[in-house]
Structure formats: C-alpha cells, structure tokens
Protein backbone atom coordinates (compact mmCIF):
# COMPACT_ATOMS: atom_id res chain seq x y z
CA UNK A 1 94.33 109.41 116.96
CA UNK A 2 95.31 112.56 117.83
CA UNK A 3 94.75 112.77 121.39
CA UNK A 4 98.33 112.87 122.39
CA UNK A 5 99.38 115.83 120.13
CA UNK A 6 96.17 117.69 121.11
CA UNK A 7 96.59 117.57 124.58
CA UNK A 8 100.35 118.88 124.31
CA UNK A 9 99.39 121.52 121.86
CA UNK A 10 96.32 122.86 124.05
CA UNK A 11 98.77 123.07 126.90
CA UNK A 12 101.14 125.00 125.27
CA UNK A 13 98.14 127.56 124.39
CA UNK A 14 97.40 126.38 120.50
CA UNK A 15 94.13 126.40 119.70
CA UNK A 16 93.24 122.95 118.17
CA UNK A 17 90.29 121.50 115.73
CA UNK A 18 90.12 117.72 115.56
CA UNK A 19 87.54 117.12 112.90
CA UNK A 20 85.95 113.30 112.86
CA UNK A 21 85.94 112.53 108.93
CA UNK A 22 84.15 111.72 107.06
CA UNK A 23 81.54 112.53 109.76
CA UNK A 24 77.70 112.23 109.91
CA UNK A 25 77.27 112.73 106.31
CA UNK A 26 79.54 110.10 104.87
CA UNK A 27 79.91 111.56 101.27
CA UNK A 28 82.71 110.11 99.20
CA UNK A 29 84.38 113.25 97.87
CA UNK A 30 87.45 114.95 99.63
CA UNK A 31 86.60 118.34 98.05
CA UNK A 32 83.14 118.27 99.91
CA UNK A 33 85.06 117.32 103.21
CA UNK A 34 87.43 120.41 102.59
CA UNK A 35 84.41 122.78 102.54
CA UNK A 36 82.72 121.40 105.53
CA UNK A 37 85.98 121.95 107.23
CA UNK A 38 86.56 125.62 105.92
CA UNK A 39 83.18 126.61 107.37
CA UNK A 40 84.59 125.38 110.93
CA UNK A 41 87.71 127.24 110.52
CA UNK A 42 86.67 131.23 110.46
CA UNK A 43 90.42 132.28 109.77
CA UNK A 44 93.97 131.50 109.02
CA UNK A 45 95.09 127.88 110.13
CA UNK A 46 97.88 125.57 109.87
CA UNK A 47 96.49 122.00 108.60
CA UNK A 48 98.30 118.88 110.04
CA UNK A 49 97.55 115.91 108.16
CA UNK A 50 98.20 112.12 108.47
CA UNK A 51 97.43 109.69 105.20
CA UNK A 52 94.26 110.85 103.88
CA UNK A 53 94.59 113.88 106.10
CA UNK A 54 97.52 114.96 103.76
CA UNK A 55 95.46 114.55 100.75
CA UNK A 56 92.62 116.81 102.30
CA UNK A 57 95.37 119.41 102.87
CA UNK A 58 95.89 119.79 99.13
CA UNK A 59 91.91 120.13 98.81
CA UNK A 60 92.05 122.81 101.29
CA UNK A 61 94.99 124.60 99.49
CA UNK A 62 92.87 124.47 96.50
CA UNK A 63 90.48 126.43 97.88
CA UNK A 64 91.72 128.59 100.64
CA UNK A 65 95.61 128.97 99.98
CA UNK A 66 95.42 132.62 101.51
CA UNK A 67 94.38 131.30 104.99
CA UNK A 68 97.10 128.69 105.04
CA UNK A 69 100.56 130.01 106.24
CA UNK A 70 101.72 126.49 106.71
CA UNK A 71 101.35 122.83 106.66
CA UNK A 72 102.43 119.49 108.25
CA UNK A 73 102.02 116.00 106.08
CA UNK A 74 102.57 113.12 107.89
CA UNK A 75 102.38 109.50 105.95
CA UNK A 76 101.18 110.94 102.80
CA UNK A 77 101.92 111.57 99.09
CA UNK A 78 101.19 113.81 96.32
CA UNK A 79 100.12 111.19 93.83
CA UNK A 80 96.79 109.88 92.89
CA UNK A 81 96.20 105.98 93.06
CA UNK A 82 97.58 103.94 90.34
CA UNK A 83 95.25 101.49 88.70
CA UNK A 84 96.64 98.59 90.98
CA UNK A 85 95.78 100.70 93.96
CA UNK A 86 92.34 101.37 92.73
CA UNK A 87 91.45 97.79 92.20
CA UNK A 88 92.52 97.08 95.74
CA UNK A 89 90.43 99.85 97.10
CA UNK A 90 87.38 98.01 95.28
CA UNK A 91 88.51 94.88 96.81
CA UNK A 92 88.46 96.69 100.28
CA UNK A 93 84.74 97.86 99.53
CA UNK A 94 83.55 94.63 98.85
CA UNK A 95 85.11 93.35 101.87
CA UNK A 96 83.59 95.94 104.11
CA UNK A 97 80.16 95.41 102.55
CA UNK A 98 80.11 91.70 102.31
CA UNK A 99 82.10 90.38 105.12
CA UNK A 100 82.10 93.26 107.90
CA UNK A 101 84.69 95.20 109.82
CA UNK A 102 86.65 92.30 111.23
CA UNK A 103 87.55 90.94 107.73
CA UNK A 104 88.65 94.58 106.65
CA UNK A 105 90.68 95.12 109.82
CA UNK A 106 92.42 91.86 109.08
CA UNK A 107 93.61 93.03 105.85
CA UNK A 108 94.48 96.49 106.80
CA UNK A 109 96.28 95.89 110.24
CA UNK A 110 99.51 94.12 108.70
CA UNK A 111 99.94 97.64 106.29
CA UNK A 112 99.40 99.80 109.14
CA UNK A 113 102.31 99.36 111.72
CA UNK A 114 105.90 98.56 112.15
CA UNK A 115 106.74 95.24 112.90
CA UNK A 116 107.33 96.13 116.44
CA UNK A 117 104.20 98.09 117.13
CA UNK A 118 103.06 97.91 121.12
CA UNK A 119 99.87 95.69 120.91
CA UNK A 120 97.96 98.77 122.94
CA UNK A 121 98.67 100.94 119.90
CA UNK A 122 97.28 98.36 117.63
CA UNK A 123 94.26 97.85 119.94
CA UNK A 124 93.78 101.78 120.06
CA UNK A 125 93.70 101.89 116.21
CA UNK A 126 91.40 99.28 116.06
CA UNK A 127 89.03 100.71 118.37
CA UNK A 128 89.27 104.06 116.51
CA UNK A 129 88.66 102.58 113.27
CA UNK A 130 85.65 100.35 114.66
CA UNK A 131 83.84 103.83 115.88
CA UNK A 132 83.17 104.46 112.15
CA UNK A 133 79.95 102.77 110.63
CA UNK A 134 80.53 100.58 107.46
CA UNK A 135 79.28 103.31 105.19
CA UNK A 136 81.52 106.10 106.61
CA UNK A 137 84.16 103.37 105.84
CA UNK A 138 83.12 102.73 102.45
CA UNK A 139 82.99 106.33 101.75
CA UNK A 140 86.33 107.21 103.09
CA UNK A 141 87.85 104.50 100.90
CA UNK A 142 85.96 105.68 97.75
CA UNK A 143 87.06 109.31 98.62
CA UNK A 144 90.65 108.32 98.55
CA UNK A 145 90.33 106.30 95.46
CA UNK A 146 88.92 109.30 93.62
CA UNK A 147 91.25 111.98 94.69
CA UNK A 148 93.08 113.75 91.88
CA UNK A 149 96.95 114.13 91.52
CA UNK A 150 98.49 116.78 93.59
CA UNK A 151 102.05 117.02 91.94
CA UNK A 152 101.44 120.65 90.67
CA UNK A 153 99.69 121.61 93.75
CA UNK A 154 102.52 120.57 95.99
CA UNK A 155 104.76 122.32 93.92
CA UNK A 156 102.77 125.75 94.13
CA UNK A 157 102.85 125.65 98.07
CA UNK A 158 105.26 128.22 98.76
CA UNK A 159 104.94 128.07 102.57
CA UNK A 160 106.82 126.37 105.29
CA UNK A 161 106.26 122.55 105.29
CA UNK A 162 107.11 119.84 107.49
CA UNK A 163 107.04 116.13 105.97
CA UNK A 164 107.27 113.51 108.37
CA UNK A 165 107.19 109.62 107.48
CA UNK A 166 107.23 106.21 109.41
CA UNK A 167 110.72 104.65 108.37
CA UNK A 168 108.81 101.18 108.10
CA UNK A 169 105.60 102.86 106.31
CA UNK A 170 104.13 100.37 103.77
CA UNK A 171 101.18 102.40 102.47
CA UNK A 172 103.40 105.52 101.78
CA UNK A 173 106.90 104.64 101.87
CA UNK A 174 109.70 107.12 102.75
CA UNK A 175 110.53 107.50 99.08
CA UNK A 176 107.12 108.92 98.55
CA UNK A 177 107.74 111.35 101.35
CA UNK A 178 111.07 112.12 99.95
CA UNK A 179 109.20 112.86 96.52
CA UNK A 180 106.84 115.21 98.28
CA UNK A 181 109.46 117.04 100.13
CA UNK A 182 111.34 117.63 96.95
CA UNK A 183 108.15 118.82 95.26
CA UNK A 184 107.16 121.48 98.09
CA UNK A 185 109.29 124.69 97.64
CA UNK A 186 110.00 124.87 101.45
CA UNK A 187 109.91 121.59 103.41
CA UNK A 188 111.82 119.81 105.98
CA UNK A 189 111.88 115.86 105.93
CA UNK A 190 111.75 113.85 109.13
CA UNK A 191 111.95 110.06 109.10
CA UNK A 192 110.86 108.31 112.32
CA UNK A 193 111.89 104.99 113.23
CA UNK A 194 110.02 102.26 114.76
CA UNK A 195 106.97 103.58 112.83
CA UNK A 196 104.59 102.50 109.95
CA UNK A 197 101.87 104.22 108.30
CA UNK A 198 100.32 105.88 111.55
CA UNK A 199 103.40 107.57 113.03
CA UNK A 200 101.14 109.82 115.31
CA UNK A 201 100.02 106.81 117.22
CA UNK A 202 103.26 104.71 117.04
CA UNK A 203 105.47 107.54 118.13
CA UNK A 204 103.38 110.15 119.69
CA UNK A 205 106.13 111.68 121.64
CA UNK A 206 108.59 112.35 118.48
CA UNK A 207 105.48 113.77 116.51
CA UNK A 208 104.84 116.25 119.40
CA UNK A 209 108.48 117.03 119.29
CA UNK A 210 108.62 117.78 115.39
CA UNK A 211 105.37 119.74 115.74
CA UNK A 212 106.56 121.96 118.56
CA UNK A 213 109.98 122.50 116.62
CA UNK A 214 108.25 123.39 113.56
CA UNK A 215 105.81 125.68 115.22
CA UNK A 216 108.35 127.28 117.10
CA UNK A 217 110.27 128.00 113.72
CA UNK A 218 107.02 129.55 112.55
CA UNK A 219 107.02 131.71 115.43
CA UNK A 220 110.74 132.97 115.13
CA UNK A 221 109.90 133.70 111.29
CA UNK A 222 107.12 135.95 112.15
CA UNK A 223 109.06 137.51 114.74
CA UNK A 224 111.85 138.37 112.20
CA UNK A 225 109.41 139.66 110.19
CA UNK A 226 107.90 142.27 112.45
CA UNK A 227 111.29 143.24 113.96
C-alpha cells in the first residue's frame, strides 16, 4: 500500500523499510511486532504508520523512544477499542474463520473508502489484503483489539509529529485525528479531501507532498540546530 510513497522517498534518497505485517509468524501482539521491527532497524528512524501502523508507533515509542526523532500518524487514534468495537472484531474473526476472505472483504470495503474512491484503488486494496493468509488476518484483528490505550504515551511524545486523516474516514474519523494531534506536544494536523481510511492509497500524491513537507521541516530544524 506504500508503493507510491516509497518510490518517491527512494528517489529523494531517503532510505525506507516497508515491513509486511504480521509477517510469517502471525502472532497477535503488537508489542511482539514492534520488537521484531526494532531488530530490523539498527539506528534512529522515523515511523510512518497508517491505521494499525499508527498503533504500532506507540509500541515502538514505549520500547525505543530515544531512536525516534519524529513520527507520522495517518488515519489512526490514541484510544483503545471500546467494548462495542471489540464485539465487532470478534464477529470479524468469526466471519474470517467460518466464511472466508470474500465475506470478510464484503464487510470491510464499505468502511475503508470514500464514496468516490476509484475502482482501481479499491481493487488494489483488495488484492493487498487477499495476499494475507486467513491466520494472518485473524492475528491482526486480535492484535488490534488487544492494544492498550495510548493517550498518556501520545502526550509524552515530545517530538515533531504529523497527523493525517481522510476527511471521510469512517473508522478513525477526523475528530479522532484532532484529539490525537491535541495530545501530541508538537503536531501538525492535515485533513485530506476525498479520502477514507486508507489515505495513502486514495490520495497518494497528497500524502507524498505532506511527507516531503514534514521531512523538509525536520531537515531545517537540524540545520538550525547545527548552525
């Protein structure tokens, strides 16, 4: 789902790592995922996470805050699941295990995109999701449901942060993004028109532009600090 942004960042000579989660070992703990990622990343890094990737940023911060000089949160929130959402995740797992991927995707698709999302974008997202085995998808849903509340963690992240949200995101709506941006000590909030829950896929060019603006601002801060 990050192909467009990775290509642009690589061309600008940024080094990128795009992990495929949950990976070959589909454990259902975001903390375990964070530990595996930290083993892949030898030094400081800037995490950029969409949806569950944002939840993972909090786990990375709790384990290695000294290695994270900045962060980008896209279509995500600081709070844990409500009881109602947990019930919905349990039903999602039942559908995955009893009915399979097609039924699962039929439930998810209407929640993921803006009403005018191009069919090609929807097809691409479906293809990416379909690459995951059912046990991987089940592990992911369980990991999301078991994540801790991260309000206090967000308030401790005294680093430059960018918060991006699709204007028509149903799963983590703009109000959630505003709350997250308000919790983070130094954050810029960007709302993207004509985007749902997968803004990097629906509006790749705008996400690229915002990433470059943010990374450029970090470079300016470093330059000012060293001058």
